[in-house]
Amino acid sequence: MPHNKPAPRLRIRLKKDDLVEVIAGKDRGKRGRVLRVLRAKSRIVVQGVGMVKKHTRPNPQRNIKGGIAEREGSIAVSNVMIVSPEDDRRARIGSQVLADGRKVRVSRRGGQLDK
């Protein structure tokens, strides 16, 4: 019987609505917005990436049609990099404390990510 260890908790610096690019896997090179961040599993859901087919059963009470629906699956957070808004290229994320004491995310390539 296989024993599944929980994924090590990574510090995820990505947030919802960040633009990311996939750097590994079958969807390498695709870009999309982060729809959900699953911190407990160290995974994220990216728009248009990692599509899976979900078989749904019809339920007239809930007005659900049956059939095969395609939706985004989660991918490992290590397989994506944020896209820097300054030059539209992939970048690593760092943090910086501003003069007024706020801590903001910055692109290592240069430029702020947070407003």
PDB file of N, CA and C in Angstrom:
ATOM      1  N   MET A   1       0.847  -1.187   0.000  1.00  0.00           N
ATOM      2  CA  MET A   1       0.000   0.000   0.000  1.00  0.00           C
ATOM      3  C   MET A   1       0.888   1.245   0.000  1.00  0.00           C
ATOM      4  N   PRO A   2       0.798   2.085  -1.057  1.00  0.00           N
ATOM      5  CA  PRO A   2       1.667   3.266  -1.118  1.00  0.00           C
ATOM      6  C   PRO A   2       1.289   4.296  -0.059  1.00  0.00           C
ATOM      7  N   HIS A   3       2.317   4.905   0.489  1.00  0.00           N
ATOM      8  CA  HIS A   3       2.101   5.939   1.497  1.00  0.00           C
ATOM      9  C   HIS A   3       2.393   7.292   0.864  1.00  0.00           C
ATOM     10  N   ASN A   4       1.378   8.119   0.726  1.00  0.00           N
ATOM     11  CA  ASN A   4       1.552   9.439   0.107  1.00  0.00           C
ATOM     12  C   ASN A   4       1.932  10.461   1.161  1.00  0.00           C
ATOM     13  N   LYS A   5       3.144  10.977   1.028  1.00  0.00           N
ATOM     14  CA  LYS A   5       3.577  12.032   1.942  1.00  0.00           C
ATOM     15  C   LYS A   5       2.978  13.350   1.502  1.00  0.00           C
ATOM     16  N   PRO A   6       2.630  14.215   2.440  1.00  0.00           N
ATOM     17  CA  PRO A   6       2.142  15.532   2.026  1.00  0.00           C
ATOM     18  C   PRO A   6       3.282  16.334   1.401  1.00  0.00           C
ATOM     19  N   ALA A   7       2.938  17.175   0.435  1.00  0.00           N
ATOM     20  CA  ALA A   7       3.950  17.997  -0.231  1.00  0.00           C
ATOM     21  C   ALA A   7       4.559  18.964   0.780  1.00  0.00           C
ATOM     22  N   PRO A   8       5.871  19.204   0.680  1.00  0.00           N
ATOM     23  CA  PRO A   8       6.476  20.162   1.613  1.00  0.00           C
ATOM     24  C   PRO A   8       5.882  21.549   1.409  1.00  0.00           C
ATOM     25  N   ARG A   9       5.602  22.245   2.501  1.00  0.00           N
ATOM     26  CA  ARG A   9       4.986  23.564   2.421  1.00  0.00           C
ATOM     27  C   ARG A   9       5.994  24.580   1.908  1.00  0.00           C
ATOM     28  N   LEU A  10       5.737  25.101   0.725  1.00  0.00           N
ATOM     29  CA  LEU A  10       6.579  26.133   0.147  1.00  0.00           C
ATOM     30  C   LEU A  10       5.986  27.489   0.465  1.00  0.00           C
ATOM     31  N   ARG A  11       6.843  28.506   0.499  1.00  0.00           N
ATOM     32  CA  ARG A  11       6.320  29.854   0.651  1.00  0.00           C
ATOM     33  C   ARG A  11       5.938  30.329  -0.740  1.00  0.00           C
ATOM     34  N   ILE A  12       4.665  30.389  -1.003  1.00  0.00           N
ATOM     35  CA  ILE A  12       4.182  30.756  -2.332  1.00  0.00           C
ATOM     36  C   ILE A  12       4.046  32.268  -2.409  1.00  0.00           C
ATOM     37  N   ARG A  13       4.798  32.869  -3.314  1.00  0.00           N
ATOM     38  CA  ARG A  13       4.768  34.323  -3.456  1.00  0.00           C
ATOM     39  C   ARG A  13       3.772  34.775  -4.515  1.00  0.00           C
ATOM     40  N   LEU A  14       3.156  33.819  -5.204  1.00  0.00           N
ATOM     41  CA  LEU A  14       2.186  34.167  -6.234  1.00  0.00           C
ATOM     42  C   LEU A  14       0.836  34.482  -5.599  1.00  0.00           C
ATOM     43  N   LYS A  15       0.080  35.343  -6.276  1.00  0.00           N
ATOM     44  CA  LYS A  15      -1.253  35.710  -5.811  1.00  0.00           C
ATOM     45  C   LYS A  15      -2.239  35.524  -6.953  1.00  0.00           C
ATOM     46  N   LYS A  16      -3.520  35.541  -6.607  1.00  0.00           N
ATOM     47  CA  LYS A  16      -4.569  35.465  -7.608  1.00  0.00           C
ATOM     48  C   LYS A  16      -4.430  36.648  -8.566  1.00  0.00           C
ATOM     49  N   ASP A  17      -4.701  36.409  -9.832  1.00  0.00           N
ATOM     50  CA  ASP A  17      -4.652  37.400 -10.923  1.00  0.00           C
ATOM     51  C   ASP A  17      -3.243  37.767 -11.380  1.00  0.00           C
ATOM     52  N   ASP A  18      -2.192  37.124 -10.861  1.00  0.00           N
ATOM     53  CA  ASP A  18      -0.846  37.326 -11.397  1.00  0.00           C
ATOM     54  C   ASP A  18      -0.756  36.673 -12.767  1.00  0.00           C
ATOM     55  N   LEU A  19      -0.001  37.273 -13.683  1.00  0.00           N
ATOM     56  CA  LEU A  19       0.252  36.671 -14.987  1.00  0.00           C
ATOM     57  C   LEU A  19       1.489  35.792 -14.858  1.00  0.00           C
ATOM     58  N   VAL A  20       1.345  34.494 -15.184  1.00  0.00           N
ATOM     59  CA  VAL A  20       2.460  33.563 -15.060  1.00  0.00           C
ATOM     60  C   VAL A  20       2.695  32.836 -16.378  1.00  0.00           C
ATOM     61  N   GLU A  21       3.909  32.307 -16.522  1.00  0.00           N
ATOM     62  CA  GLU A  21       4.269  31.507 -17.685  1.00  0.00           C
ATOM     63  C   GLU A  21       4.709  30.136 -17.192  1.00  0.00           C
ATOM     64  N   VAL A  22       4.240  29.076 -17.872  1.00  0.00           N
ATOM     65  CA  VAL A  22       4.589  27.710 -17.492  1.00  0.00           C
ATOM     66  C   VAL A  22       5.983  27.409 -18.035  1.00  0.00           C
ATOM     67  N   ILE A  23       6.879  26.912 -17.162  1.00  0.00           N
ATOM     68  CA  ILE A  23       8.260  26.651 -17.573  1.00  0.00           C
ATOM     69  C   ILE A  23       8.570  25.166 -17.672  1.00  0.00           C
ATOM     70  N   ALA A  24       7.636  24.299 -17.269  1.00  0.00           N
ATOM     71  CA  ALA A  24       7.876  22.865 -17.334  1.00  0.00           C
ATOM     72  C   ALA A  24       6.564  22.127 -17.515  1.00  0.00           C
ATOM     73  N   GLY A  25       6.627  20.968 -18.165  1.00  0.00           N
ATOM     74  CA  GLY A  25       5.443  20.138 -18.348  1.00  0.00           C
ATOM     75  C   GLY A  25       4.869  20.263 -19.746  1.00  0.00           C
ATOM     76  N   LYS A  26       3.715  19.619 -19.938  1.00  0.00           N
ATOM     77  CA  LYS A  26       3.131  19.558 -21.281  1.00  0.00           C
ATOM     78  C   LYS A  26       2.646  20.913 -21.787  1.00  0.00           C
ATOM     79  N   ASP A  27       2.389  21.853 -20.884  1.00  0.00           N
ATOM     80  CA  ASP A  27       1.911  23.177 -21.279  1.00  0.00           C
ATOM     81  C   ASP A  27       3.016  24.228 -21.260  1.00  0.00           C
ATOM     82  N   ARG A  28       4.282  23.803 -21.356  1.00  0.00           N
ATOM     83  CA  ARG A  28       5.414  24.730 -21.314  1.00  0.00           C
ATOM     84  C   ARG A  28       5.250  25.830 -22.356  1.00  0.00           C
ATOM     85  N   GLY A  29       5.496  27.075 -21.912  1.00  0.00           N
ATOM     86  CA  GLY A  29       5.406  28.218 -22.813  1.00  0.00           C
ATOM     87  C   GLY A  29       4.076  28.940 -22.758  1.00  0.00           C
ATOM     88  N   LYS A  30       3.036  28.290 -22.220  1.00  0.00           N
ATOM     89  CA  LYS A  30       1.730  28.944 -22.144  1.00  0.00           C
ATOM     90  C   LYS A  30       1.727  29.977 -21.027  1.00  0.00           C
ATOM     91  N   ARG A  31       0.923  31.018 -21.234  1.00  0.00           N
ATOM     92  CA  ARG A  31       0.755  32.055 -20.212  1.00  0.00           C
ATOM     93  C   ARG A  31      -0.699  32.124 -19.801  1.00  0.00           C
ATOM     94  N   GLY A  32      -0.928  32.535 -18.578  1.00  0.00           N
ATOM     95  CA  GLY A  32      -2.299  32.681 -18.106  1.00  0.00           C
ATOM     96  C   GLY A  32      -2.344  33.348 -16.746  1.00  0.00           C
ATOM     97  N   ARG A  33      -3.534  33.727 -16.332  1.00  0.00           N
ATOM     98  CA  ARG A  33      -3.743  34.355 -15.026  1.00  0.00           C
ATOM     99  C   ARG A  33      -3.953  33.285 -13.969  1.00  0.00           C
ATOM    100  N   VAL A  34      -3.472  33.545 -12.762  1.00  0.00           N
ATOM    101  CA  VAL A  34      -3.667  32.627 -11.643  1.00  0.00           C
ATOM    102  C   VAL A  34      -5.120  32.775 -11.177  1.00  0.00           C
ATOM    103  N   LEU A  35      -5.851  31.656 -11.186  1.00  0.00           N
ATOM    104  CA  LEU A  35      -7.250  31.671 -10.760  1.00  0.00           C
ATOM    105  C   LEU A  35      -7.379  31.337  -9.280  1.00  0.00           C
ATOM    106  N   ARG A  36      -6.580  30.375  -8.810  1.00  0.00           N
ATOM    107  CA  ARG A  36      -6.625  29.965  -7.396  1.00  0.00           C
ATOM    108  C   ARG A  36      -5.229  29.565  -6.940  1.00  0.00           C
ATOM    109  N   VAL A  37      -4.935  29.796  -5.659  1.00  0.00           N
ATOM    110  CA  VAL A  37      -3.676  29.369  -5.057  1.00  0.00           C
ATOM    111  C   VAL A  37      -4.022  28.362  -3.968  1.00  0.00           C
ATOM    112  N   LEU A  38      -3.523  27.119  -4.128  1.00  0.00           N
ATOM    113  CA  LEU A  38      -3.784  26.051  -3.162  1.00  0.00           C
ATOM    114  C   LEU A  38      -2.538  25.896  -2.301  1.00  0.00           C
ATOM    115  N   ARG A  39      -2.442  26.696  -1.246  1.00  0.00           N
ATOM    116  CA  ARG A  39      -1.224  26.760  -0.434  1.00  0.00           C
ATOM    117  C   ARG A  39      -0.895  25.442   0.262  1.00  0.00           C
ATOM    118  N   ALA A  40      -1.898  24.732   0.739  1.00  0.00           N
ATOM    119  CA  ALA A  40      -1.662  23.487   1.471  1.00  0.00           C
ATOM    120  C   ALA A  40      -1.010  22.429   0.583  1.00  0.00           C
ATOM    121  N   LYS A  41      -1.304  22.474  -0.715  1.00  0.00           N
ATOM    122  CA  LYS A  41      -0.762  21.481  -1.642  1.00  0.00           C
ATOM    123  C   LYS A  41       0.385  22.019  -2.489  1.00  0.00           C
ATOM    124  N   SER A  42       0.757  23.279  -2.305  1.00  0.00           N
ATOM    125  CA  SER A  42       1.796  23.946  -3.108  1.00  0.00           C
ATOM    126  C   SER A  42       1.482  23.874  -4.601  1.00  0.00           C
ATOM    127  N   ARG A  43       0.233  24.138  -4.936  1.00  0.00           N
ATOM    128  CA  ARG A  43      -0.199  24.089  -6.327  1.00  0.00           C
ATOM    129  C   ARG A  43      -1.022  25.341  -6.651  1.00  0.00           C
ATOM    130  N   ILE A  44      -1.148  25.636  -7.948  1.00  0.00           N
ATOM    131  CA  ILE A  44      -1.965  26.757  -8.379  1.00  0.00           C
ATOM    132  C   ILE A  44      -2.818  26.325  -9.576  1.00  0.00           C
ATOM    133  N   VAL A  45      -3.902  27.047  -9.798  1.00  0.00           N
ATOM    134  CA  VAL A  45      -4.764  26.821 -10.960  1.00  0.00           C
ATOM    135  C   VAL A  45      -4.579  28.025 -11.873  1.00  0.00           C
ATOM    136  N   VAL A  46      -4.156  27.752 -13.117  1.00  0.00           N
ATOM    137  CA  VAL A  46      -3.866  28.812 -14.082  1.00  0.00           C
ATOM    138  C   VAL A  46      -4.865  28.725 -15.231  1.00  0.00           C
ATOM    139  N   GLN A  47      -5.379  29.862 -15.650  1.00  0.00           N
ATOM    140  CA  GLN A  47      -6.378  29.936 -16.717  1.00  0.00           C
ATOM    141  C   GLN A  47      -5.839  29.332 -18.012  1.00  0.00           C
ATOM    142  N   GLY A  48      -6.543  28.320 -18.550  1.00  0.00           N
ATOM    143  CA  GLY A  48      -6.179  27.708 -19.828  1.00  0.00           C
ATOM    144  C   GLY A  48      -5.015  26.746 -19.776  1.00  0.00           C
ATOM    145  N   VAL A  49      -4.537  26.391 -18.593  1.00  0.00           N
ATOM    146  CA  VAL A  49      -3.375  25.510 -18.454  1.00  0.00           C
ATOM    147  C   VAL A  49      -3.763  24.268 -17.653  1.00  0.00           C
ATOM    148  N   GLY A  50      -3.266  23.110 -18.061  1.00  0.00           N
ATOM    149  CA  GLY A  50      -3.527  21.864 -17.334  1.00  0.00           C
ATOM    150  C   GLY A  50      -4.977  21.454 -17.407  1.00  0.00           C
ATOM    151  N   MET A  51      -5.547  21.517 -18.598  1.00  0.00           N
ATOM    152  CA  MET A  51      -6.967  21.206 -18.762  1.00  0.00           C
ATOM    153  C   MET A  51      -7.236  19.725 -18.506  1.00  0.00           C
ATOM    154  N   VAL A  52      -8.300  19.451 -17.751  1.00  0.00           N
ATOM    155  CA  VAL A  52      -8.715  18.075 -17.469  1.00  0.00           C
ATOM    156  C   VAL A  52     -10.188  17.938 -17.838  1.00  0.00           C
ATOM    157  N   LYS A  53     -10.578  16.704 -18.162  1.00  0.00           N
ATOM    158  CA  LYS A  53     -11.972  16.440 -18.494  1.00  0.00           C
ATOM    159  C   LYS A  53     -12.690  15.950 -17.245  1.00  0.00           C
ATOM    160  N   LYS A  54     -13.838  16.546 -16.963  1.00  0.00           N
ATOM    161  CA  LYS A  54     -14.627  16.137 -15.799  1.00  0.00           C
ATOM    162  C   LYS A  54     -15.971  15.633 -16.304  1.00  0.00           C
ATOM    163  N   HIS A  55     -16.288  14.390 -15.950  1.00  0.00           N
ATOM    164  CA  HIS A  55     -17.552  13.785 -16.359  1.00  0.00           C
ATOM    165  C   HIS A  55     -18.620  14.177 -15.349  1.00  0.00           C
ATOM    166  N   THR A  56     -19.650  14.864 -15.818  1.00  0.00           N
ATOM    167  CA  THR A  56     -20.702  15.319 -14.909  1.00  0.00           C
ATOM    168  C   THR A  56     -21.998  14.590 -15.224  1.00  0.00           C
ATOM    169  N   ARG A  57     -22.740  14.299 -14.178  1.00  0.00           N
ATOM    170  CA  ARG A  57     -24.010  13.603 -14.298  1.00  0.00           C
ATOM    171  C   ARG A  57     -25.113  14.658 -14.331  1.00  0.00           C
ATOM    172  N   PRO A  58     -26.138  14.463 -15.162  1.00  0.00           N
ATOM    173  CA  PRO A  58     -27.205  15.464 -15.190  1.00  0.00           C
ATOM    174  C   PRO A  58     -27.971  15.511 -13.871  1.00  0.00           C
ATOM    175  N   ASN A  59     -28.315  16.729 -13.438  1.00  0.00           N
ATOM    176  CA  ASN A  59     -29.096  16.915 -12.226  1.00  0.00           C
ATOM    177  C   ASN A  59     -30.141  17.996 -12.510  1.00  0.00           C
ATOM    178  N   PRO A  60     -31.367  17.587 -12.848  1.00  0.00           N
ATOM    179  CA  PRO A  60     -32.390  18.571 -13.207  1.00  0.00           C
ATOM    180  C   PRO A  60     -32.745  19.537 -12.073  1.00  0.00           C
ATOM    181  N   GLN A  61     -32.640  19.080 -10.820  1.00  0.00           N
ATOM    182  CA  GLN A  61     -32.962  19.958  -9.691  1.00  0.00           C
ATOM    183  C   GLN A  61     -32.026  21.158  -9.626  1.00  0.00           C
ATOM    184  N   ARG A  62     -30.754  20.921  -9.912  1.00  0.00           N
ATOM    185  CA  ARG A  62     -29.755  22.000  -9.858  1.00  0.00           C
ATOM    186  C   ARG A  62     -29.524  22.645 -11.220  1.00  0.00           C
ATOM    187  N   ASN A  63     -30.281  22.195 -12.227  1.00  0.00           N
ATOM    188  CA  ASN A  63     -30.169  22.715 -13.595  1.00  0.00           C
ATOM    189  C   ASN A  63     -28.773  22.466 -14.182  1.00  0.00           C
ATOM    190  N   ILE A  64     -28.238  21.257 -13.935  1.00  0.00           N
ATOM    191  CA  ILE A  64     -26.910  20.888 -14.440  1.00  0.00           C
ATOM    192  C   ILE A  64     -27.084  19.911 -15.590  1.00  0.00           C
ATOM    193  N   LYS A  65     -26.486  20.240 -16.733  1.00  0.00           N
ATOM    194  CA  LYS A  65     -26.503  19.333 -17.870  1.00  0.00           C
ATOM    195  C   LYS A  65     -25.418  18.286 -17.679  1.00  0.00           C
ATOM    196  N   GLY A  66     -25.658  17.105 -18.157  1.00  0.00           N
ATOM    197  CA  GLY A  66     -24.653  16.048 -18.086  1.00  0.00           C
ATOM    198  C   GLY A  66     -23.696  16.152 -19.252  1.00  0.00           C
ATOM    199  N   GLY A  67     -22.611  15.401 -19.175  1.00  0.00           N
ATOM    200  CA  GLY A  67     -21.656  15.373 -20.276  1.00  0.00           C
ATOM    201  C   GLY A  67     -20.237  15.513 -19.775  1.00  0.00           C
ATOM    202  N   ILE A  68     -19.341  15.785 -20.704  1.00  0.00           N
ATOM    203  CA  ILE A  68     -17.926  15.912 -20.368  1.00  0.00           C
ATOM    204  C   ILE A  68     -17.552  17.386 -20.445  1.00  0.00           C
ATOM    205  N   ALA A  69     -17.162  17.930 -19.309  1.00  0.00           N
ATOM    206  CA  ALA A  69     -16.775  19.343 -19.251  1.00  0.00           C
ATOM    207  C   ALA A  69     -15.262  19.440 -19.093  1.00  0.00           C
ATOM    208  N   GLU A  70     -14.672  20.419 -19.756  1.00  0.00           N
ATOM    209  CA  GLU A  70     -13.228  20.641 -19.612  1.00  0.00           C
ATOM    210  C   GLU A  70     -13.008  21.814 -18.680  1.00  0.00           C
ATOM    211  N   ARG A  71     -12.091  21.645 -17.735  1.00  0.00           N
ATOM    212  CA  ARG A  71     -11.770  22.738 -16.820  1.00  0.00           C
ATOM    213  C   ARG A  71     -10.303  22.669 -16.452  1.00  0.00           C
ATOM    214  N   GLU A  72      -9.826  23.718 -15.801  1.00  0.00           N
ATOM    215  CA  GLU A  72      -8.414  23.785 -15.440  1.00  0.00           C
ATOM    216  C   GLU A  72      -8.138  22.887 -14.237  1.00  0.00           C
ATOM    217  N   GLY A  73      -7.039  22.145 -14.319  1.00  0.00           N
ATOM    218  CA  GLY A  73      -6.568  21.377 -13.179  1.00  0.00           C
ATOM    219  C   GLY A  73      -5.444  22.164 -12.519  1.00  0.00           C
ATOM    220  N   SER A  74      -4.999  21.700 -11.361  1.00  0.00           N
ATOM    221  CA  SER A  74      -3.932  22.422 -10.668  1.00  0.00           C
ATOM    222  C   SER A  74      -2.574  21.943 -11.170  1.00  0.00           C
ATOM    223  N   ILE A  75      -1.581  22.834 -11.114  1.00  0.00           N
ATOM    224  CA  ILE A  75      -0.212  22.462 -11.467  1.00  0.00           C
ATOM    225  C   ILE A  75       0.706  22.901 -10.327  1.00  0.00           C
ATOM    226  N   ALA A  76       1.852  22.270 -10.245  1.00  0.00           N
ATOM    227  CA  ALA A  76       2.801  22.582  -9.181  1.00  0.00           C
ATOM    228  C   ALA A  76       3.306  24.011  -9.344  1.00  0.00           C
ATOM    229  N   VAL A  77       3.432  24.699  -8.223  1.00  0.00           N
ATOM    230  CA  VAL A  77       3.843  26.101  -8.245  1.00  0.00           C
ATOM    231  C   VAL A  77       5.288  26.236  -8.749  1.00  0.00           C
ATOM    232  N   SER A  78       6.083  25.166  -8.638  1.00  0.00           N
ATOM    233  CA  SER A  78       7.472  25.209  -9.102  1.00  0.00           C
ATOM    234  C   SER A  78       7.573  25.206 -10.621  1.00  0.00           C
ATOM    235  N   ASN A  79       6.485  24.881 -11.308  1.00  0.00           N
ATOM    236  CA  ASN A  79       6.496  24.809 -12.766  1.00  0.00           C
ATOM    237  C   ASN A  79       6.090  26.111 -13.449  1.00  0.00           C
ATOM    238  N   VAL A  80       5.928  27.182 -12.682  1.00  0.00           N
ATOM    239  CA  VAL A  80       5.568  28.470 -13.281  1.00  0.00           C
ATOM    240  C   VAL A  80       6.486  29.577 -12.772  1.00  0.00           C
ATOM    241  N   MET A  81       6.589  30.636 -13.577  1.00  0.00           N
ATOM    242  CA  MET A  81       7.305  31.849 -13.171  1.00  0.00           C
ATOM    243  C   MET A  81       6.419  33.039 -13.498  1.00  0.00           C
ATOM    244  N   ILE A  82       6.504  34.057 -12.671  1.00  0.00           N
ATOM    245  CA  ILE A  82       5.710  35.258 -12.900  1.00  0.00           C
ATOM    246  C   ILE A  82       6.276  36.021 -14.095  1.00  0.00           C
ATOM    247  N   VAL A  83       5.401  36.721 -14.811  1.00  0.00           N
ATOM    248  CA  VAL A  83       5.818  37.540 -15.948  1.00  0.00           C
ATOM    249  C   VAL A  83       5.925  38.977 -15.454  1.00  0.00           C
ATOM    250  N   SER A  84       7.104  39.567 -15.638  1.00  0.00           N
ATOM    251  CA  SER A  84       7.350  40.931 -15.189  1.00  0.00           C
ATOM    252  C   SER A  84       6.548  41.918 -16.036  1.00  0.00           C
ATOM    253  N   PRO A  85       5.789  42.814 -15.415  1.00  0.00           N
ATOM    254  CA  PRO A  85       5.004  43.769 -16.193  1.00  0.00           C
ATOM    255  C   PRO A  85       5.863  44.811 -16.911  1.00  0.00           C
ATOM    256  N   GLU A  86       7.098  44.999 -16.445  1.00  0.00           N
ATOM    257  CA  GLU A  86       7.989  46.003 -17.048  1.00  0.00           C
ATOM    258  C   GLU A  86       8.374  45.636 -18.480  1.00  0.00           C
ATOM    259  N   ASP A  87       8.913  44.404 -18.663  1.00  0.00           N
ATOM    260  CA  ASP A  87       9.436  44.040 -19.976  1.00  0.00           C
ATOM    261  C   ASP A  87       8.808  42.774 -20.554  1.00  0.00           C
ATOM    262  N   ASP A  88       7.728  42.284 -19.946  1.00  0.00           N
ATOM    263  CA  ASP A  88       6.977  41.140 -20.465  1.00  0.00           C
ATOM    264  C   ASP A  88       7.838  39.875 -20.564  1.00  0.00           C
ATOM    265  N   ARG A  89       8.760  39.714 -19.608  1.00  0.00           N
ATOM    266  CA  ARG A  89       9.611  38.512 -19.574  1.00  0.00           C
ATOM    267  C   ARG A  89       9.478  37.842 -18.210  1.00  0.00           C
ATOM    268  N   ARG A  90       9.858  36.558 -18.160  1.00  0.00           N
ATOM    269  CA  ARG A  90       9.783  35.823 -16.900  1.00  0.00           C
ATOM    270  C   ARG A  90      10.758  36.399 -15.886  1.00  0.00           C
ATOM    271  N   ALA A  91      10.363  36.355 -14.610  1.00  0.00           N
ATOM    272  CA  ALA A  91      11.222  36.903 -13.567  1.00  0.00           C
ATOM    273  C   ALA A  91      11.002  36.154 -12.267  1.00  0.00           C
ATOM    274  N   ARG A  92      11.980  36.258 -11.383  1.00  0.00           N
ATOM    275  CA  ARG A  92      11.823  35.732 -10.034  1.00  0.00           C
ATOM    276  C   ARG A  92      11.201  36.838  -9.178  1.00  0.00           C
ATOM    277  N   ILE A  93      10.672  36.437  -8.021  1.00  0.00           N
ATOM    278  CA  ILE A  93       9.993  37.393  -7.151  1.00  0.00           C
ATOM    279  C   ILE A  93      10.809  37.621  -5.894  1.00  0.00           C
ATOM    280  N   GLY A  94      10.962  38.879  -5.530  1.00  0.00           N
ATOM    281  CA  GLY A  94      11.605  39.236  -4.276  1.00  0.00           C
ATOM    282  C   GLY A  94      10.675  40.164  -3.511  1.00  0.00           C
ATOM    283  N   SER A  95      11.124  40.634  -2.358  1.00  0.00           N
ATOM    284  CA  SER A  95      10.306  41.588  -1.615  1.00  0.00           C
ATOM    285  C   SER A  95      11.185  42.762  -1.186  1.00  0.00           C
ATOM    286  N   GLN A  96      10.528  43.872  -0.964  1.00  0.00           N
ATOM    287  CA  GLN A  96      11.246  45.096  -0.623  1.00  0.00           C
ATOM    288  C   GLN A  96      10.385  45.895   0.342  1.00  0.00           C
ATOM    289  N   VAL A  97      11.017  46.514   1.318  1.00  0.00           N
ATOM    290  CA  VAL A  97      10.291  47.367   2.258  1.00  0.00           C
ATOM    291  C   VAL A  97      10.418  48.804   1.766  1.00  0.00           C
ATOM    292  N   LEU A  98       9.287  49.452   1.566  1.00  0.00           N
ATOM    293  CA  LEU A  98       9.277  50.829   1.076  1.00  0.00           C
ATOM    294  C   LEU A  98       9.554  51.806   2.216  1.00  0.00           C
ATOM    295  N   ALA A  99       9.764  53.058   1.871  1.00  0.00           N
ATOM    296  CA  ALA A  99      10.068  54.091   2.866  1.00  0.00           C
ATOM    297  C   ALA A  99       8.943  54.274   3.883  1.00  0.00           C
ATOM    298  N   ASP A 100       7.694  54.047   3.436  1.00  0.00           N
ATOM    299  CA  ASP A 100       6.569  54.205   4.365  1.00  0.00           C
ATOM    300  C   ASP A 100       6.296  52.943   5.189  1.00  0.00           C
ATOM    301  N   GLY A 101       7.171  51.932   5.077  1.00  0.00           N
ATOM    302  CA  GLY A 101       7.063  50.735   5.911  1.00  0.00           C
ATOM    303  C   GLY A 101       6.298  49.587   5.278  1.00  0.00           C
ATOM    304  N   ARG A 102       5.696  49.811   4.100  1.00  0.00           N
ATOM    305  CA  ARG A 102       4.960  48.726   3.432  1.00  0.00           C
ATOM    306  C   ARG A 102       5.933  47.744   2.795  1.00  0.00           C
ATOM    307  N   LYS A 103       5.576  46.454   2.831  1.00  0.00           N
ATOM    308  CA  LYS A 103       6.384  45.418   2.192  1.00  0.00           C
ATOM    309  C   LYS A 103       5.688  45.046   0.886  1.00  0.00           C
ATOM    310  N   VAL A 104       6.391  45.170  -0.232  1.00  0.00           N
ATOM    311  CA  VAL A 104       5.800  44.887  -1.537  1.00  0.00           C
ATOM    312  C   VAL A 104       6.635  43.837  -2.275  1.00  0.00           C
ATOM    313  N   ARG A 105       5.970  43.142  -3.193  1.00  0.00           N
ATOM    314  CA  ARG A 105       6.671  42.179  -4.040  1.00  0.00           C
ATOM    315  C   ARG A 105       7.310  42.928  -5.202  1.00  0.00           C
ATOM    316  N   VAL A 106       8.529  42.563  -5.532  1.00  0.00           N
ATOM    317  CA  VAL A 106       9.216  43.177  -6.663  1.00  0.00           C
ATOM    318  C   VAL A 106       9.729  42.083  -7.584  1.00  0.00           C
ATOM    319  N   SER A 107       9.868  42.430  -8.842  1.00  0.00           N
ATOM    320  CA  SER A 107      10.458  41.536  -9.825  1.00  0.00           C
ATOM    321  C   SER A 107      11.964  41.652  -9.701  1.00  0.00           C
ATOM    322  N   ARG A 108      12.679  40.547  -9.677  1.00  0.00           N
ATOM    323  CA  ARG A 108      14.140  40.577  -9.607  1.00  0.00           C
ATOM    324  C   ARG A 108      14.742  41.199 -10.855  1.00  0.00           C
ATOM    325  N   ARG A 109      13.973  41.198 -11.926  1.00  0.00           N
ATOM    326  CA  ARG A 109      14.414  41.831 -13.168  1.00  0.00           C
ATOM    327  C   ARG A 109      14.296  43.343 -13.062  1.00  0.00           C
ATOM    328  N   GLY A 110      13.530  43.800 -12.078  1.00  0.00           N
ATOM    329  CA  GLY A 110      13.342  45.233 -11.863  1.00  0.00           C
ATOM    330  C   GLY A 110      11.887  45.615 -11.986  1.00  0.00           C
ATOM    331  N   GLY A 111      11.396  46.375 -11.054  1.00  0.00           N
ATOM    332  CA  GLY A 111      10.021  46.851 -11.117  1.00  0.00           C
ATOM    333  C   GLY A 111       9.130  46.222 -10.071  1.00  0.00           C
ATOM    334  N   GLN A 112       8.141  46.964  -9.639  1.00  0.00           N
ATOM    335  CA  GLN A 112       7.199  46.491  -8.630  1.00  0.00           C
ATOM    336  C   GLN A 112       6.117  45.627  -9.238  1.00  0.00           C
ATOM    337  N   LEU A 113       5.687  44.618  -8.489  1.00  0.00           N
ATOM    338  CA  LEU A 113       4.570  43.766  -8.904  1.00  0.00           C
ATOM    339  C   LEU A 113       3.277  44.201  -8.238  1.00  0.00           C
ATOM    340  N   ASP A 114       3.387  44.655  -6.976  1.00  0.00           N
ATOM    341  CA  ASP A 114       2.203  45.086  -6.241  1.00  0.00           C
ATOM    342  C   ASP A 114       1.994  46.584  -6.408  1.00  0.00           C
ATOM    343  N   LYS A 115       0.740  46.996  -6.319  1.00  0.00           N
ATOM    344  CA  LYS A 115       0.442  48.426  -6.422  1.00  0.00           C
ATOM    345  C   LYS A 115       0.495  49.050  -5.061  1.00  0.00           C
TER     346      LYS A 115
END
